[in-house]
N, C-alpha and C. Protein backbone atom coordinates (compact mmCIF):
# COMPACT_ATOMS: atom_id res chain seq x y z
N MET A 1 16.86 -2.79 1.85
CA MET A 1 15.97 -2.56 0.52
C MET A 1 14.74 -3.14 0.62
N ARG A 2 13.56 -2.74 0.16
CA ARG A 2 11.89 -2.69 0.94
C ARG A 2 12.35 -3.82 -0.17
N ARG A 3 10.99 -5.19 -0.12
CA ARG A 3 11.20 -6.67 -0.92
C ARG A 3 10.62 -5.73 -2.25
N ALA A 4 9.60 -4.61 -2.42
CA ALA A 4 9.02 -4.35 -3.66
C ALA A 4 10.00 -4.13 -4.73
N ARG A 5 10.72 -2.99 -4.36
CA ARG A 5 12.20 -3.10 -4.96
C ARG A 5 12.71 -3.85 -5.60
N LEU A 6 12.74 -5.22 -4.97
CA LEU A 6 13.14 -6.43 -5.39
C LEU A 6 12.22 -6.90 -6.93
N VAL A 7 11.16 -6.68 -7.38
CA VAL A 7 10.10 -6.79 -7.84
C VAL A 7 9.51 -5.99 -8.84
N CYS A 8 8.69 -5.30 -8.75
CA CYS A 8 8.34 -4.09 -8.96
C CYS A 8 9.12 -2.77 -10.00
N VAL A 9 8.58 -2.46 -11.17
CA VAL A 9 9.40 -1.94 -12.05
C VAL A 9 9.34 -0.52 -11.71
N ASP A 10 8.22 -0.16 -10.95
CA ASP A 10 7.85 1.01 -10.28
C ASP A 10 7.47 1.03 -8.71
N PRO A 11 8.17 0.89 -7.80
CA PRO A 11 7.92 1.02 -6.47
C PRO A 11 7.06 1.46 -5.91
N GLU A 12 7.42 2.92 -6.56
CA GLU A 12 6.45 4.27 -6.03
C GLU A 12 5.41 4.14 -5.95
N HIS A 13 4.56 3.44 -7.37
CA HIS A 13 3.40 3.44 -7.89
C HIS A 13 2.91 2.26 -7.15
N SER A 14 4.10 0.99 -6.95
CA SER A 14 2.95 -0.25 -6.16
C SER A 14 3.13 0.11 -5.21
N ARG A 15 4.26 0.55 -3.98
CA ARG A 15 3.19 1.27 -2.96
C ARG A 15 2.24 2.31 -2.54
N ARG A 16 1.83 3.19 -3.44
CA ARG A 16 0.54 3.98 -3.44
C ARG A 16 -0.41 3.18 -4.05
N THR A 17 -0.50 2.70 -4.74
CA THR A 17 -1.35 1.02 -5.39
C THR A 17 -1.89 0.53 -3.99
N ARG A 18 -0.62 -0.17 -3.43
CA ARG A 18 -0.95 -0.58 -1.83
C ARG A 18 -2.14 -0.33 -1.26
N ARG A 19 -1.28 1.34 -0.63
CA ARG A 19 -1.78 1.80 0.56
C ARG A 19 -3.48 1.78 0.20
N ALA A 20 -3.33 2.52 -1.33
CA ALA A 20 -5.04 2.71 -1.88
C ALA A 20 -6.09 1.81 -1.65
N PHE A 21 -5.81 0.49 -1.65
CA PHE A 21 -6.17 -0.38 -1.30
C PHE A 21 -6.97 -0.73 -0.41
N LEU A 22 -5.61 -0.75 0.51
CA LEU A 22 -6.03 -0.61 2.12
C LEU A 22 -6.76 0.36 2.67
N GLU A 23 -6.77 1.21 2.34
CA GLU A 23 -7.75 2.97 2.59
C GLU A 23 -9.08 1.94 2.07
N ARG A 24 -9.01 1.86 1.16
CA ARG A 24 -10.37 1.26 0.43
C ARG A 24 -10.81 -0.21 1.22
N TYR A 25 -10.10 -0.66 1.50
CA TYR A 25 -11.32 -2.28 1.84
C TYR A 25 -10.72 -1.62 3.14
N ALA A 26 -9.98 -1.42 3.91
CA ALA A 26 -10.04 -1.59 5.27
C ALA A 26 -11.35 -1.66 6.37
N ASP A 27 -11.37 -2.55 7.37
CA ASP A 27 -12.80 -2.72 8.33
C ASP A 27 -14.32 -2.18 6.85
N THR A 28 -14.36 -2.70 6.10
CA THR A 28 -15.31 -3.37 4.87
C THR A 28 -15.58 -4.48 4.93
N ASP A 29 -16.90 -4.82 4.48
CA ASP A 29 -16.90 -6.36 4.26
C ASP A 29 -16.84 -6.81 3.28
N THR A 30 -15.29 -6.43 2.71
CA THR A 30 -15.06 -6.79 1.15
C THR A 30 -13.93 -8.35 2.10
N LEU A 31 -14.30 -9.80 0.86
CA LEU A 31 -13.90 -10.63 1.66
C LEU A 31 -12.17 -10.13 0.52
N VAL A 32 -10.60 -10.74 0.83
CA VAL A 32 -9.39 -10.51 0.42
C VAL A 32 -9.08 -11.84 0.10
N MET A 33 -8.70 -12.40 -1.48
CA MET A 33 -8.10 -13.45 -1.39
C MET A 33 -6.13 -13.23 -1.82
N LEU A 34 -5.61 -13.48 -0.74
CA LEU A 34 -4.13 -12.89 -1.00
C LEU A 34 -3.43 -14.45 -1.85
N ALA A 35 -2.94 -13.40 -2.60
CA ALA A 35 -2.01 -14.49 -3.90
C ALA A 35 -0.49 -15.01 -3.56
N HIS A 36 -0.39 -15.72 -3.85
CA HIS A 36 1.27 -15.52 -2.98
C HIS A 36 1.43 -16.28 -1.54
N PHE A 37 0.53 -16.26 -1.05
CA PHE A 37 0.69 -17.17 0.54
C PHE A 37 -0.17 -18.29 0.39
N PRO A 38 0.46 -18.74 1.43
CA PRO A 38 -0.31 -20.16 2.11
C PRO A 38 -0.99 -19.94 2.80
N ALA A 39 -2.35 -20.82 2.24
CA ALA A 39 -3.41 -20.66 3.20
C ALA A 39 -3.60 -20.66 4.33
N PRO A 40 -3.96 -20.01 5.26
CA PRO A 40 -5.69 -19.68 5.03
C PRO A 40 -4.93 -18.16 4.40
N SER A 41 -5.92 -17.95 3.63
CA SER A 41 -5.36 -16.65 2.47
C SER A 41 -6.48 -16.05 2.10
N VAL A 42 -7.84 -16.12 3.03
CA VAL A 42 -9.21 -15.47 2.50
C VAL A 42 -9.97 -14.89 3.72
N GLY A 43 -9.70 -13.53 3.68
CA GLY A 43 -10.31 -12.89 4.80
C GLY A 43 -10.53 -11.55 4.84
N ARG A 44 -10.14 -10.68 5.94
CA ARG A 44 -10.45 -9.04 5.55
C ARG A 44 -9.71 -8.19 6.26
N VAL A 45 -9.43 -7.10 5.80
CA VAL A 45 -8.48 -6.27 6.39
C VAL A 45 -9.45 -5.10 6.86
N VAL A 46 -8.00 -4.57 8.23
CA VAL A 46 -8.84 -4.15 9.30
C VAL A 46 -7.40 -2.99 9.73
N ARG A 47 -7.82 -1.72 10.03
CA ARG A 47 -6.98 -0.93 10.45
C ARG A 47 -6.64 -1.54 12.07
N ALA A 48 -5.93 -0.90 12.40
CA ALA A 48 -4.64 -1.63 13.59
C ALA A 48 -4.00 -0.96 13.82
N GLY A 49 -4.35 0.70 14.73
CA GLY A 49 -4.29 1.69 15.02
C GLY A 49 -3.23 2.62 13.02
N ALA A 50 -2.31 2.57 13.48
CA ALA A 50 -1.50 3.58 12.01
C ALA A 50 -1.15 2.25 10.86
N ALA A 51 -1.42 1.36 11.41
CA ALA A 51 -1.36 0.00 10.36
C ALA A 51 -2.70 -0.63 9.58
N TRP A 52 -2.69 -1.68 9.27
CA TRP A 52 -3.65 -2.65 8.90
C TRP A 52 -3.01 -3.98 9.81
N ARG A 53 -4.05 -4.94 9.58
CA ARG A 53 -4.23 -6.44 9.95
C ARG A 53 -5.01 -6.98 9.06
N PHE A 54 -4.43 -8.49 8.27
CA PHE A 54 -5.26 -9.31 7.71
C PHE A 54 -5.87 -10.51 8.77
N VAL A 55 -7.31 -10.42 8.36
CA VAL A 55 -8.08 -11.42 9.63
C VAL A 55 -8.80 -12.62 8.77
N VAL A 56 -7.95 -13.73 9.26
CA VAL A 56 -8.63 -14.67 8.31
C VAL A 56 -10.22 -14.90 8.77
N GLN A 57 -10.87 -15.03 7.43
CA GLN A 57 -11.98 -15.38 7.66
C GLN A 57 -12.50 -17.35 7.65
N ASP A 58 -12.65 -17.61 8.84
CA ASP A 58 -12.92 -19.02 9.65
C ASP A 58 -13.81 -19.79 8.57
N ASP A 59 -14.56 -19.51 8.03
CA ASP A 59 -15.42 -20.61 7.50
C ASP A 59 -15.04 -20.55 6.08
N CYS A 60 -14.05 -19.95 5.78
CA CYS A 60 -13.24 -20.42 3.93
C CYS A 60 -12.15 -21.77 4.42
N PRO A 61 -12.41 -22.44 3.04
CA PRO A 61 -11.07 -23.66 3.36
C PRO A 61 -9.86 -22.42 3.18
């Protein structure tokens, strides 16, 4: 079972929303601040083949 199914009322909508966010902001200068994750949690999304990676912004606390 995917984690989204444990906490999302509409898992399919959640999946589409996450994918749209990643497609829109990957490989841009947009800083992303992750919620519910320990520091470091500020960085950028970059494409990694057919997936994405989170790259930490070194100069953020």
